[in-house]
Amino acid sequence: MKHSFTSKNKNTQLKEDAIKTLLIVASTISILTTFGILFSILFEAIEFFKMKSFWYFISGTEWSPGTENSKFGALPIFAGTFMITAIALSVAIPVGLGSAIYMSEYASLQTRDFLKPMLEVLAGIPTVVYGFFAAITVAPLIVKGAAFFGLEATFNSALASGVVMGIMIIPVISSLSDDVIRAVPDSQRKAALGLGLTQAETIRDIVIPSALPGIISASLLGLSKALGETMIVVMAAGLRPNLSWNPLDDMTTVTVRIVDALVGDQAFNSPETLSAFGLGLILFFVTLVLNIISLNLIRKFKEKYKVNTL
């Protein structure tokens, strides 16, 4: 009997060790893949910065590769990237979070089961279709709306691209936010209602603070999706690097310029082609910094909420 019990413990321990080993291998593959991506970009980017000034690359205001006096000032490209992304998030976060709150806190079960699949259909639409929608429908509407107020807008504008990109990432923010809001313990809602708070006050003061780390994570995922989008920008915002604060002007983004540099007929070791790796490296570090800032915000909020609930 004792021998059988010992044998069973050994088998269980072997299974636990095997599972632990598999998880360690999976984690190692993920980490090595990240470093592989970084180094594959880094080495080519170093070759580019041997040819062109790194300081001018990050601060220059003119991007004109392929000319006699080529200039690689990436500031207009990153300015366009951040403006279009900011417009997209200003559309996606309020709409996505609002729909998540409605579906998790107000809608009946039947209504939620109908609305959530309909909303998530947006996630399955190809981005080229969103590009057509932006170029054919949204951009002309923006031009007409701007003309009504006496403003001038181009048919390729950052605003058209950003709005449609925001529509595209609504399901990402809405679905994840809905899950984390529903994960808030129902006892907290009942306690707040028992203390005399209205449902809206309970959502504002109890539910949203509890779910905020998950909401921030959902927004960060939407941000990453917006930073990496290409087709909508090509079809709705254009290809011209343009340093402007006016969202009605045409602009371009980092990913669009990377594609444009890599599909040209220049030699691979030319500055025009290698500039794609320089852009990719800066975008990699920008995304890393945004992730670090977001994780610190989530950690600080979790600590604050933990203190407040003791």
C-alpha atoms as a PDB file:
ATOM      1  CA  MET A   1       0.000   0.000   0.000  1.00  0.00           C
ATOM      2  CA  LYS A   2       2.817   2.349   0.961  1.00  0.00           C
ATOM      3  CA  HIS A   3       4.752   1.418  -2.204  1.00  0.00           C
ATOM      4  CA  SER A   4       1.702   2.161  -4.376  1.00  0.00           C
ATOM      5  CA  PHE A   5       1.235   5.560  -2.709  1.00  0.00           C
ATOM      6  CA  THR A   6       4.917   6.425  -3.217  1.00  0.00           C
ATOM      7  CA  SER A   7       4.768   5.361  -6.875  1.00  0.00           C
ATOM      8  CA  LYS A   8       1.693   7.523  -7.418  1.00  0.00           C
ATOM      9  CA  ASN A   9       3.456  10.530  -5.891  1.00  0.00           C
ATOM     10  CA  LYS A  10       6.460   9.982  -8.181  1.00  0.00           C
ATOM     11  CA  ASN A  11       4.216   9.834 -11.273  1.00  0.00           C
ATOM     12  CA  THR A  12       2.445  13.011 -10.219  1.00  0.00           C
ATOM     13  CA  GLN A  13       5.779  14.753  -9.639  1.00  0.00           C
ATOM     14  CA  LEU A  14       7.055  13.621 -13.042  1.00  0.00           C
ATOM     15  CA  LYS A  15       3.946  15.059 -14.710  1.00  0.00           C
ATOM     16  CA  GLU A  16       4.369  18.340 -12.827  1.00  0.00           C
ATOM     17  CA  ASP A  17       8.029  18.551 -13.843  1.00  0.00           C
ATOM     18  CA  ALA A  18       7.159  17.802 -17.483  1.00  0.00           C
ATOM     19  CA  ILE A  19       4.494  20.510 -17.542  1.00  0.00           C
ATOM     20  CA  LYS A  20       6.857  22.981 -15.869  1.00  0.00           C
ATOM     21  CA  THR A  21       9.553  22.178 -18.444  1.00  0.00           C
ATOM     22  CA  LEU A  22       7.133  22.705 -21.335  1.00  0.00           C
ATOM     23  CA  LEU A  23       6.066  26.059 -19.910  1.00  0.00           C
ATOM     24  CA  ILE A  24       9.687  27.130 -19.475  1.00  0.00           C
ATOM     25  CA  VAL A  25      10.411  26.130 -23.097  1.00  0.00           C
ATOM     26  CA  ALA A  26       7.372  28.095 -24.322  1.00  0.00           C
ATOM     27  CA  SER A  27       8.483  31.170 -22.355  1.00  0.00           C
ATOM     28  CA  THR A  28      12.028  30.841 -23.653  1.00  0.00           C
ATOM     29  CA  ILE A  29      10.811  30.607 -27.268  1.00  0.00           C
ATOM     30  CA  SER A  30       8.751  33.776 -26.805  1.00  0.00           C
ATOM     31  CA  ILE A  31      11.687  35.683 -25.321  1.00  0.00           C
ATOM     32  CA  LEU A  32      14.159  34.438 -27.947  1.00  0.00           C
ATOM     33  CA  THR A  33      11.716  35.349 -30.732  1.00  0.00           C
ATOM     34  CA  THR A  34      11.507  38.902 -29.394  1.00  0.00           C
ATOM     35  CA  PHE A  35      15.285  39.197 -29.266  1.00  0.00           C
ATOM     36  CA  GLY A  36      15.534  37.635 -32.732  1.00  0.00           C
ATOM     37  CA  ILE A  37      13.196  40.296 -34.127  1.00  0.00           C
ATOM     38  CA  LEU A  38      15.154  43.034 -32.363  1.00  0.00           C
ATOM     39  CA  PHE A  39      18.584  41.886 -33.578  1.00  0.00           C
ATOM     40  CA  SER A  40      17.393  41.270 -37.152  1.00  0.00           C
ATOM     41  CA  ILE A  41      16.265  44.897 -37.260  1.00  0.00           C
ATOM     42  CA  LEU A  42      19.164  46.286 -35.230  1.00  0.00           C
ATOM     43  CA  PHE A  43      22.037  45.043 -37.387  1.00  0.00           C
ATOM     44  CA  GLU A  44      20.544  46.434 -40.608  1.00  0.00           C
ATOM     45  CA  ALA A  45      19.590  49.684 -38.871  1.00  0.00           C
ATOM     46  CA  ILE A  46      23.218  50.112 -37.731  1.00  0.00           C
ATOM     47  CA  GLU A  47      24.305  49.807 -41.372  1.00  0.00           C
ATOM     48  CA  PHE A  48      21.845  52.559 -42.279  1.00  0.00           C
ATOM     49  CA  PHE A  49      23.032  54.865 -39.504  1.00  0.00           C
ATOM     50  CA  LYS A  50      26.618  54.413 -40.703  1.00  0.00           C
ATOM     51  CA  MET A  51      25.493  56.074 -43.944  1.00  0.00           C
ATOM     52  CA  LYS A  52      23.092  58.665 -42.578  1.00  0.00           C
ATOM     53  CA  SER A  53      23.049  60.768 -39.424  1.00  0.00           C
ATOM     54  CA  PHE A  54      21.034  59.254 -36.577  1.00  0.00           C
ATOM     55  CA  TRP A  55      20.346  62.687 -35.110  1.00  0.00           C
ATOM     56  CA  TYR A  56      18.962  64.038 -38.389  1.00  0.00           C
ATOM     57  CA  PHE A  57      16.944  60.842 -38.781  1.00  0.00           C
ATOM     58  CA  ILE A  58      15.056  61.416 -35.520  1.00  0.00           C
ATOM     59  CA  SER A  59      14.866  65.222 -35.739  1.00  0.00           C
ATOM     60  CA  GLY A  60      14.903  66.093 -39.440  1.00  0.00           C
ATOM     61  CA  THR A  61      11.758  67.485 -41.026  1.00  0.00           C
ATOM     62  CA  GLU A  62      12.278  66.391 -44.641  1.00  0.00           C
ATOM     63  CA  TRP A  63      11.984  62.853 -46.015  1.00  0.00           C
ATOM     64  CA  SER A  64      13.014  62.593 -49.671  1.00  0.00           C
ATOM     65  CA  PRO A  65      14.753  59.271 -50.466  1.00  0.00           C
ATOM     66  CA  GLY A  66      15.731  58.387 -54.017  1.00  0.00           C
ATOM     67  CA  THR A  67      16.673  61.941 -54.983  1.00  0.00           C
ATOM     68  CA  GLU A  68      20.106  63.338 -55.812  1.00  0.00           C
ATOM     69  CA  ASN A  69      20.383  64.849 -52.344  1.00  0.00           C
ATOM     70  CA  SER A  70      18.454  62.242 -50.353  1.00  0.00           C
ATOM     71  CA  LYS A  71      17.208  63.322 -46.948  1.00  0.00           C
ATOM     72  CA  PHE A  72      15.969  60.991 -44.242  1.00  0.00           C
ATOM     73  CA  GLY A  73      14.304  63.169 -41.634  1.00  0.00           C
ATOM     74  CA  ALA A  74      11.713  60.872 -40.060  1.00  0.00           C
ATOM     75  CA  LEU A  75       9.962  63.437 -37.856  1.00  0.00           C
ATOM     76  CA  PRO A  76       7.044  63.974 -40.321  1.00  0.00           C
ATOM     77  CA  ILE A  77       6.519  60.214 -40.539  1.00  0.00           C
ATOM     78  CA  PHE A  78       6.347  59.701 -36.781  1.00  0.00           C
ATOM     79  CA  ALA A  79       4.203  62.833 -36.390  1.00  0.00           C
ATOM     80  CA  GLY A  80       1.708  61.385 -38.872  1.00  0.00           C
ATOM     81  CA  THR A  81       1.823  58.018 -37.116  1.00  0.00           C
ATOM     82  CA  PHE A  82       1.049  59.490 -33.710  1.00  0.00           C
ATOM     83  CA  MET A  83      -1.655  61.825 -35.009  1.00  0.00           C
ATOM     84  CA  ILE A  84      -3.537  59.090 -36.864  1.00  0.00           C
ATOM     85  CA  THR A  85      -3.172  56.744 -33.879  1.00  0.00           C
ATOM     86  CA  ALA A  86      -4.422  59.437 -31.480  1.00  0.00           C
ATOM     87  CA  ILE A  87      -7.487  60.050 -33.661  1.00  0.00           C
ATOM     88  CA  ALA A  88      -8.147  56.302 -33.818  1.00  0.00           C
ATOM     89  CA  LEU A  89      -7.962  55.911 -30.028  1.00  0.00           C
ATOM     90  CA  SER A  90     -10.159  58.970 -29.466  1.00  0.00           C
ATOM     91  CA  VAL A  91     -12.827  57.161 -31.496  1.00  0.00           C
ATOM     92  CA  ALA A  92     -12.264  53.596 -30.299  1.00  0.00           C
ATOM     93  CA  ILE A  93     -11.854  54.055 -26.530  1.00  0.00           C
ATOM     94  CA  PRO A  94     -15.085  56.017 -25.800  1.00  0.00           C
ATOM     95  CA  VAL A  95     -17.204  53.893 -28.160  1.00  0.00           C
ATOM     96  CA  GLY A  96     -15.600  50.586 -27.188  1.00  0.00           C
ATOM     97  CA  LEU A  97     -15.699  51.254 -23.444  1.00  0.00           C
ATOM     98  CA  GLY A  98     -19.244  52.633 -23.645  1.00  0.00           C
ATOM     99  CA  SER A  99     -20.506  49.584 -25.499  1.00  0.00           C
ATOM    100  CA  ALA A 100     -18.708  47.300 -23.017  1.00  0.00           C
ATOM    101  CA  ILE A 101     -20.353  49.063 -20.055  1.00  0.00           C
ATOM    102  CA  TYR A 102     -23.774  48.830 -21.676  1.00  0.00           C
ATOM    103  CA  MET A 103     -23.452  45.140 -22.540  1.00  0.00           C
ATOM    104  CA  SER A 104     -22.076  44.136 -19.134  1.00  0.00           C
ATOM    105  CA  GLU A 105     -24.127  46.389 -16.837  1.00  0.00           C
ATOM    106  CA  TYR A 106     -27.376  47.388 -18.556  1.00  0.00           C
ATOM    107  CA  ALA A 107     -28.236  45.013 -21.392  1.00  0.00           C
ATOM    108  CA  SER A 108     -30.319  41.916 -20.808  1.00  0.00           C
ATOM    109  CA  LEU A 109     -28.765  38.524 -21.496  1.00  0.00           C
ATOM    110  CA  GLN A 110     -30.699  38.176 -24.765  1.00  0.00           C
ATOM    111  CA  THR A 111     -29.665  41.655 -25.912  1.00  0.00           C
ATOM    112  CA  ARG A 112     -26.034  41.002 -25.033  1.00  0.00           C
ATOM    113  CA  ASP A 113     -26.008  37.673 -26.874  1.00  0.00           C
ATOM    114  CA  PHE A 114     -27.293  39.503 -29.958  1.00  0.00           C
ATOM    115  CA  LEU A 115     -25.129  42.644 -29.796  1.00  0.00           C
ATOM    116  CA  LYS A 116     -21.733  41.186 -28.916  1.00  0.00           C
ATOM    117  CA  PRO A 117     -21.420  38.915 -31.999  1.00  0.00           C
ATOM    118  CA  MET A 118     -22.633  41.772 -34.182  1.00  0.00           C
ATOM    119  CA  LEU A 119     -19.969  44.053 -32.738  1.00  0.00           C
ATOM    120  CA  GLU A 120     -17.229  41.465 -33.093  1.00  0.00           C
ATOM    121  CA  VAL A 121     -18.040  41.047 -36.792  1.00  0.00           C
ATOM    122  CA  LEU A 122     -16.061  44.277 -37.230  1.00  0.00           C
ATOM    123  CA  ALA A 123     -12.921  42.423 -36.128  1.00  0.00           C
ATOM    124  CA  GLY A 124     -13.215  39.981 -39.023  1.00  0.00           C
ATOM    125  CA  ILE A 125     -13.499  42.541 -41.819  1.00  0.00           C
ATOM    126  CA  PRO A 126     -10.269  42.755 -43.899  1.00  0.00           C
ATOM    127  CA  THR A 127      -8.405  46.018 -43.484  1.00  0.00           C
ATOM    128  CA  VAL A 128      -8.474  46.642 -47.239  1.00  0.00           C
ATOM    129  CA  VAL A 129     -12.274  46.802 -46.998  1.00  0.00           C
ATOM    130  CA  TYR A 130     -11.917  49.398 -44.250  1.00  0.00           C
ATOM    131  CA  GLY A 131      -9.592  51.249 -46.611  1.00  0.00           C
ATOM    132  CA  PHE A 132     -12.255  51.324 -49.320  1.00  0.00           C
ATOM    133  CA  PHE A 133     -14.798  52.540 -46.772  1.00  0.00           C
ATOM    134  CA  ALA A 134     -12.436  55.315 -45.655  1.00  0.00           C
ATOM    135  CA  ALA A 135     -11.542  56.428 -49.188  1.00  0.00           C
ATOM    136  CA  ILE A 136     -14.982  56.194 -50.792  1.00  0.00           C
ATOM    137  CA  THR A 137     -17.351  57.118 -47.952  1.00  0.00           C
ATOM    138  CA  VAL A 138     -15.659  58.746 -44.957  1.00  0.00           C
ATOM    139  CA  ALA A 139     -13.143  60.969 -46.777  1.00  0.00           C
ATOM    140  CA  PRO A 140     -15.773  62.666 -49.033  1.00  0.00           C
ATOM    141  CA  LEU A 141     -18.003  63.228 -45.997  1.00  0.00           C
ATOM    142  CA  ILE A 142     -15.113  64.896 -44.165  1.00  0.00           C
ATOM    143  CA  VAL A 143     -14.359  67.099 -47.192  1.00  0.00           C
ATOM    144  CA  LYS A 144     -18.011  68.174 -47.389  1.00  0.00           C
ATOM    145  CA  GLY A 145     -18.209  68.744 -43.645  1.00  0.00           C
ATOM    146  CA  ALA A 146     -15.029  70.824 -43.652  1.00  0.00           C
ATOM    147  CA  ALA A 147     -16.308  72.903 -46.590  1.00  0.00           C
ATOM    148  CA  PHE A 148     -19.560  73.538 -44.693  1.00  0.00           C
ATOM    149  CA  PHE A 149     -17.530  75.155 -41.893  1.00  0.00           C
ATOM    150  CA  GLY A 150     -15.307  77.048 -44.322  1.00  0.00           C
ATOM    151  CA  LEU A 151     -12.315  74.736 -43.966  1.00  0.00           C
ATOM    152  CA  GLU A 152     -10.297  72.997 -46.641  1.00  0.00           C
ATOM    153  CA  ALA A 153      -9.721  69.231 -46.418  1.00  0.00           C
ATOM    154  CA  THR A 154      -8.002  66.838 -48.780  1.00  0.00           C
ATOM    155  CA  PHE A 155      -9.529  63.545 -49.843  1.00  0.00           C
ATOM    156  CA  ASN A 156      -6.454  61.876 -48.337  1.00  0.00           C
ATOM    157  CA  SER A 157      -6.538  63.058 -44.742  1.00  0.00           C
ATOM    158  CA  ALA A 158      -5.312  61.885 -41.356  1.00  0.00           C
ATOM    159  CA  LEU A 159      -8.806  62.399 -39.968  1.00  0.00           C
ATOM    160  CA  ALA A 160     -10.465  59.978 -42.412  1.00  0.00           C
ATOM    161  CA  SER A 161      -7.789  57.360 -41.805  1.00  0.00           C
ATOM    162  CA  GLY A 162      -7.913  57.801 -38.021  1.00  0.00           C
ATOM    163  CA  VAL A 163     -11.698  57.607 -37.777  1.00  0.00           C
ATOM    164  CA  VAL A 164     -11.921  54.391 -39.788  1.00  0.00           C
ATOM    165  CA  MET A 165      -8.957  52.906 -37.961  1.00  0.00           C
ATOM    166  CA  GLY A 166     -10.759  53.686 -34.702  1.00  0.00           C
ATOM    167  CA  ILE A 167     -13.838  51.847 -35.961  1.00  0.00           C
ATOM    168  CA  MET A 168     -11.616  48.886 -36.799  1.00  0.00           C
ATOM    169  CA  ILE A 169     -10.200  48.568 -33.251  1.00  0.00           C
ATOM    170  CA  ILE A 170     -13.514  49.108 -31.427  1.00  0.00           C
ATOM    171  CA  PRO A 171     -14.116  45.312 -31.122  1.00  0.00           C
ATOM    172  CA  VAL A 172     -10.674  44.811 -29.539  1.00  0.00           C
ATOM    173  CA  ILE A 173     -11.303  47.348 -26.782  1.00  0.00           C
ATOM    174  CA  SER A 174     -14.989  46.520 -26.375  1.00  0.00           C
ATOM    175  CA  SER A 175     -14.624  42.742 -26.095  1.00  0.00           C
ATOM    176  CA  LEU A 176     -11.712  42.786 -23.647  1.00  0.00           C
ATOM    177  CA  SER A 177     -13.242  45.587 -21.561  1.00  0.00           C
ATOM    178  CA  ASP A 178     -16.544  43.708 -21.414  1.00  0.00           C
ATOM    179  CA  ASP A 179     -14.752  40.625 -20.080  1.00  0.00           C
ATOM    180  CA  VAL A 180     -12.868  42.492 -17.344  1.00  0.00           C
ATOM    181  CA  ILE A 181     -15.936  44.498 -16.285  1.00  0.00           C
ATOM    182  CA  ARG A 182     -17.994  41.327 -15.969  1.00  0.00           C
ATOM    183  CA  ALA A 183     -15.160  39.799 -13.913  1.00  0.00           C
ATOM    184  CA  VAL A 184     -15.620  42.417 -11.160  1.00  0.00           C
ATOM    185  CA  PRO A 185     -17.245  40.568  -8.205  1.00  0.00           C
ATOM    186  CA  ASP A 186     -20.986  41.142  -8.019  1.00  0.00           C
ATOM    187  CA  SER A 187     -20.691  41.558  -4.257  1.00  0.00           C
ATOM    188  CA  GLN A 188     -19.000  44.923  -4.805  1.00  0.00           C
ATOM    189  CA  ARG A 189     -21.938  46.151  -6.855  1.00  0.00           C
ATOM    190  CA  LYS A 190     -24.452  44.968  -4.263  1.00  0.00           C
ATOM    191  CA  ALA A 191     -22.493  46.573  -1.430  1.00  0.00           C
ATOM    192  CA  ALA A 192     -22.373  49.903  -3.280  1.00  0.00           C
ATOM    193  CA  LEU A 193     -26.084  49.781  -4.075  1.00  0.00           C
ATOM    194  CA  GLY A 194     -26.779  48.886  -0.448  1.00  0.00           C
ATOM    195  CA  LEU A 195     -24.924  52.030   0.659  1.00  0.00           C
ATOM    196  CA  GLY A 196     -27.237  54.155  -1.483  1.00  0.00           C
ATOM    197  CA  LEU A 197     -25.233  54.635  -4.676  1.00  0.00           C
ATOM    198  CA  THR A 198     -27.128  54.672  -7.944  1.00  0.00           C
ATOM    199  CA  GLN A 199     -26.205  52.217 -10.688  1.00  0.00           C
ATOM    200  CA  ALA A 200     -24.352  54.906 -12.623  1.00  0.00           C
ATOM    201  CA  GLU A 201     -22.402  55.932  -9.513  1.00  0.00           C
ATOM    202  CA  THR A 202     -21.592  52.286  -8.786  1.00  0.00           C
ATOM    203  CA  ILE A 203     -20.211  51.843 -12.289  1.00  0.00           C
ATOM    204  CA  ARG A 204     -18.206  55.078 -12.065  1.00  0.00           C
ATOM    205  CA  ASP A 205     -16.805  54.673  -8.554  1.00  0.00           C
ATOM    206  CA  ILE A 206     -16.593  50.901  -8.074  1.00  0.00           C
ATOM    207  CA  VAL A 207     -16.765  48.879 -11.289  1.00  0.00           C
ATOM    208  CA  ILE A 208     -14.572  50.992 -13.587  1.00  0.00           C
ATOM    209  CA  PRO A 209     -11.758  51.471 -11.007  1.00  0.00           C
ATOM    210  CA  SER A 210     -11.747  47.731 -10.353  1.00  0.00           C
ATOM    211  CA  ALA A 211     -11.581  46.931 -14.068  1.00  0.00           C
ATOM    212  CA  LEU A 212      -9.247  49.766 -15.045  1.00  0.00           C
ATOM    213  CA  PRO A 213      -6.041  47.667 -15.305  1.00  0.00           C
ATOM    214  CA  GLY A 214      -7.787  45.411 -17.824  1.00  0.00           C
ATOM    215  CA  ILE A 215      -9.244  48.417 -19.663  1.00  0.00           C
ATOM    216  CA  ILE A 216      -5.762  49.938 -19.940  1.00  0.00           C
ATOM    217  CA  SER A 217      -4.453  46.648 -21.315  1.00  0.00           C
ATOM    218  CA  ALA A 218      -7.265  46.558 -23.889  1.00  0.00           C
ATOM    219  CA  SER A 219      -6.502  50.134 -24.917  1.00  0.00           C
ATOM    220  CA  LEU A 220      -2.814  49.265 -25.221  1.00  0.00           C
ATOM    221  CA  LEU A 221      -3.674  46.359 -27.512  1.00  0.00           C
ATOM    222  CA  GLY A 222      -5.788  48.710 -29.616  1.00  0.00           C
ATOM    223  CA  LEU A 223      -2.877  51.167 -29.702  1.00  0.00           C
ATOM    224  CA  SER A 224      -0.519  48.460 -30.956  1.00  0.00           C
ATOM    225  CA  LYS A 225      -3.013  47.455 -33.646  1.00  0.00           C
ATOM    226  CA  ALA A 226      -3.345  51.074 -34.767  1.00  0.00           C
ATOM    227  CA  LEU A 227       0.432  51.622 -34.879  1.00  0.00           C
ATOM    228  CA  GLY A 228       0.839  48.587 -37.135  1.00  0.00           C
ATOM    229  CA  GLU A 229      -1.977  49.342 -39.573  1.00  0.00           C
ATOM    230  CA  THR A 230      -0.961  49.962 -43.193  1.00  0.00           C
ATOM    231  CA  MET A 231      -3.753  49.501 -45.755  1.00  0.00           C
ATOM    232  CA  ILE A 232      -6.166  52.057 -44.307  1.00  0.00           C
ATOM    233  CA  VAL A 233      -3.412  54.678 -44.223  1.00  0.00           C
ATOM    234  CA  VAL A 234      -2.323  53.955 -47.804  1.00  0.00           C
ATOM    235  CA  MET A 235      -5.867  54.252 -49.140  1.00  0.00           C
ATOM    236  CA  ALA A 236      -7.160  57.099 -46.972  1.00  0.00           C
ATOM    237  CA  ALA A 237      -4.220  59.195 -45.744  1.00  0.00           C
ATOM    238  CA  GLY A 238      -1.734  58.946 -48.601  1.00  0.00           C
ATOM    239  CA  LEU A 239       2.020  58.401 -48.896  1.00  0.00           C
ATOM    240  CA  ARG A 240       3.386  61.915 -48.409  1.00  0.00           C
ATOM    241  CA  PRO A 241       5.454  62.595 -45.271  1.00  0.00           C
ATOM    242  CA  ASN A 242       3.890  65.804 -44.038  1.00  0.00           C
ATOM    243  CA  LEU A 243       4.746  67.564 -40.774  1.00  0.00           C
ATOM    244  CA  SER A 244       1.466  69.262 -39.894  1.00  0.00           C
ATOM    245  CA  TRP A 245      -0.857  69.739 -36.929  1.00  0.00           C
ATOM    246  CA  ASN A 246      -3.872  69.845 -39.235  1.00  0.00           C
ATOM    247  CA  PRO A 247      -5.717  66.478 -39.279  1.00  0.00           C
ATOM    248  CA  LEU A 248      -7.402  67.518 -42.531  1.00  0.00           C
ATOM    249  CA  ASP A 249      -4.073  67.279 -44.379  1.00  0.00           C
ATOM    250  CA  ASP A 250      -2.658  64.148 -45.992  1.00  0.00           C
ATOM    251  CA  MET A 251      -0.034  62.275 -43.961  1.00  0.00           C
ATOM    252  CA  THR A 252       1.654  58.915 -43.780  1.00  0.00           C
ATOM    253  CA  THR A 253       2.863  56.508 -41.105  1.00  0.00           C
ATOM    254  CA  VAL A 254       5.939  54.456 -40.287  1.00  0.00           C
ATOM    255  CA  THR A 255       4.540  51.148 -41.509  1.00  0.00           C
ATOM    256  CA  VAL A 256       3.546  52.625 -44.866  1.00  0.00           C
ATOM    257  CA  ARG A 257       7.043  54.018 -45.421  1.00  0.00           C
ATOM    258  CA  ILE A 258       8.591  50.671 -44.419  1.00  0.00           C
ATOM    259  CA  VAL A 259       6.516  48.871 -47.049  1.00  0.00           C
ATOM    260  CA  ASP A 260       7.321  51.533 -49.632  1.00  0.00           C
ATOM    261  CA  ALA A 261      11.065  51.218 -48.943  1.00  0.00           C
ATOM    262  CA  LEU A 262      11.153  47.428 -49.099  1.00  0.00           C
ATOM    263  CA  VAL A 263       9.098  46.965 -52.288  1.00  0.00           C
ATOM    264  CA  GLY A 264      11.135  49.400 -54.372  1.00  0.00           C
ATOM    265  CA  ASP A 265      13.703  48.446 -57.001  1.00  0.00           C
ATOM    266  CA  GLN A 266      16.702  49.781 -55.049  1.00  0.00           C
ATOM    267  CA  ALA A 267      19.542  47.519 -53.935  1.00  0.00           C
ATOM    268  CA  PHE A 268      19.109  45.995 -50.509  1.00  0.00           C
ATOM    269  CA  ASN A 269      22.218  47.745 -49.147  1.00  0.00           C
ATOM    270  CA  SER A 270      21.102  51.164 -50.390  1.00  0.00           C
ATOM    271  CA  PRO A 271      20.120  53.860 -47.861  1.00  0.00           C
ATOM    272  CA  GLU A 272      16.605  53.953 -49.319  1.00  0.00           C
ATOM    273  CA  THR A 273      16.024  50.268 -48.469  1.00  0.00           C
ATOM    274  CA  LEU A 274      17.918  50.218 -45.185  1.00  0.00           C
ATOM    275  CA  SER A 275      15.893  53.223 -43.979  1.00  0.00           C
ATOM    276  CA  ALA A 276      13.018  50.772 -43.423  1.00  0.00           C
ATOM    277  CA  PHE A 277      15.073  49.077 -40.700  1.00  0.00           C
ATOM    278  CA  GLY A 278      15.830  52.425 -39.089  1.00  0.00           C
ATOM    279  CA  LEU A 279      12.115  53.222 -38.987  1.00  0.00           C
ATOM    280  CA  GLY A 280      11.341  49.751 -37.655  1.00  0.00           C
ATOM    281  CA  LEU A 281      13.927  50.076 -34.883  1.00  0.00           C
ATOM    282  CA  ILE A 282      12.548  53.405 -33.662  1.00  0.00           C
ATOM    283  CA  LEU A 283       8.987  52.054 -33.812  1.00  0.00           C
ATOM    284  CA  PHE A 284      10.108  48.996 -31.814  1.00  0.00           C
ATOM    285  CA  PHE A 285      11.504  51.175 -29.027  1.00  0.00           C
ATOM    286  CA  VAL A 286       8.513  53.517 -29.064  1.00  0.00           C
ATOM    287  CA  THR A 287       6.212  50.516 -28.593  1.00  0.00           C
ATOM    288  CA  LEU A 288       8.484  49.187 -25.824  1.00  0.00           C
ATOM    289  CA  VAL A 289       8.393  52.508 -23.969  1.00  0.00           C
ATOM    290  CA  LEU A 290       4.600  52.706 -24.266  1.00  0.00           C
ATOM    291  CA  ASN A 291       4.317  49.165 -22.893  1.00  0.00           C
ATOM    292  CA  ILE A 292       6.585  49.970 -19.944  1.00  0.00           C
ATOM    293  CA  ILE A 293       4.624  53.129 -19.117  1.00  0.00           C
ATOM    294  CA  SER A 294       1.306  51.283 -19.338  1.00  0.00           C
ATOM    295  CA  LEU A 295       2.526  48.404 -17.144  1.00  0.00           C
ATOM    296  CA  ASN A 296       3.748  50.883 -14.518  1.00  0.00           C
ATOM    297  CA  LEU A 297       0.379  52.633 -14.544  1.00  0.00           C
ATOM    298  CA  ILE A 298      -1.416  49.302 -14.143  1.00  0.00           C
ATOM    299  CA  ARG A 299       0.885  48.275 -11.283  1.00  0.00           C
ATOM    300  CA  LYS A 300       0.452  51.574  -9.435  1.00  0.00           C
ATOM    301  CA  PHE A 301      -3.308  51.454  -9.816  1.00  0.00           C
ATOM    302  CA  LYS A 302      -3.480  47.869  -8.568  1.00  0.00           C
ATOM    303  CA  GLU A 303      -1.483  48.861  -5.488  1.00  0.00           C
ATOM    304  CA  LYS A 304      -3.710  51.872  -4.864  1.00  0.00           C
ATOM    305  CA  TYR A 305      -6.890  49.854  -5.264  1.00  0.00           C
ATOM    306  CA  LYS A 306      -5.557  47.128  -2.972  1.00  0.00           C
ATOM    307  CA  VAL A 307      -4.863  49.694  -0.254  1.00  0.00           C
ATOM    308  CA  ASN A 308      -8.285  51.255  -0.631  1.00  0.00           C
ATOM    309  CA  THR A 309     -10.091  47.931  -0.289  1.00  0.00           C
ATOM    310  CA  LEU A 310      -8.363  46.806   2.903  1.00  0.00           C
END
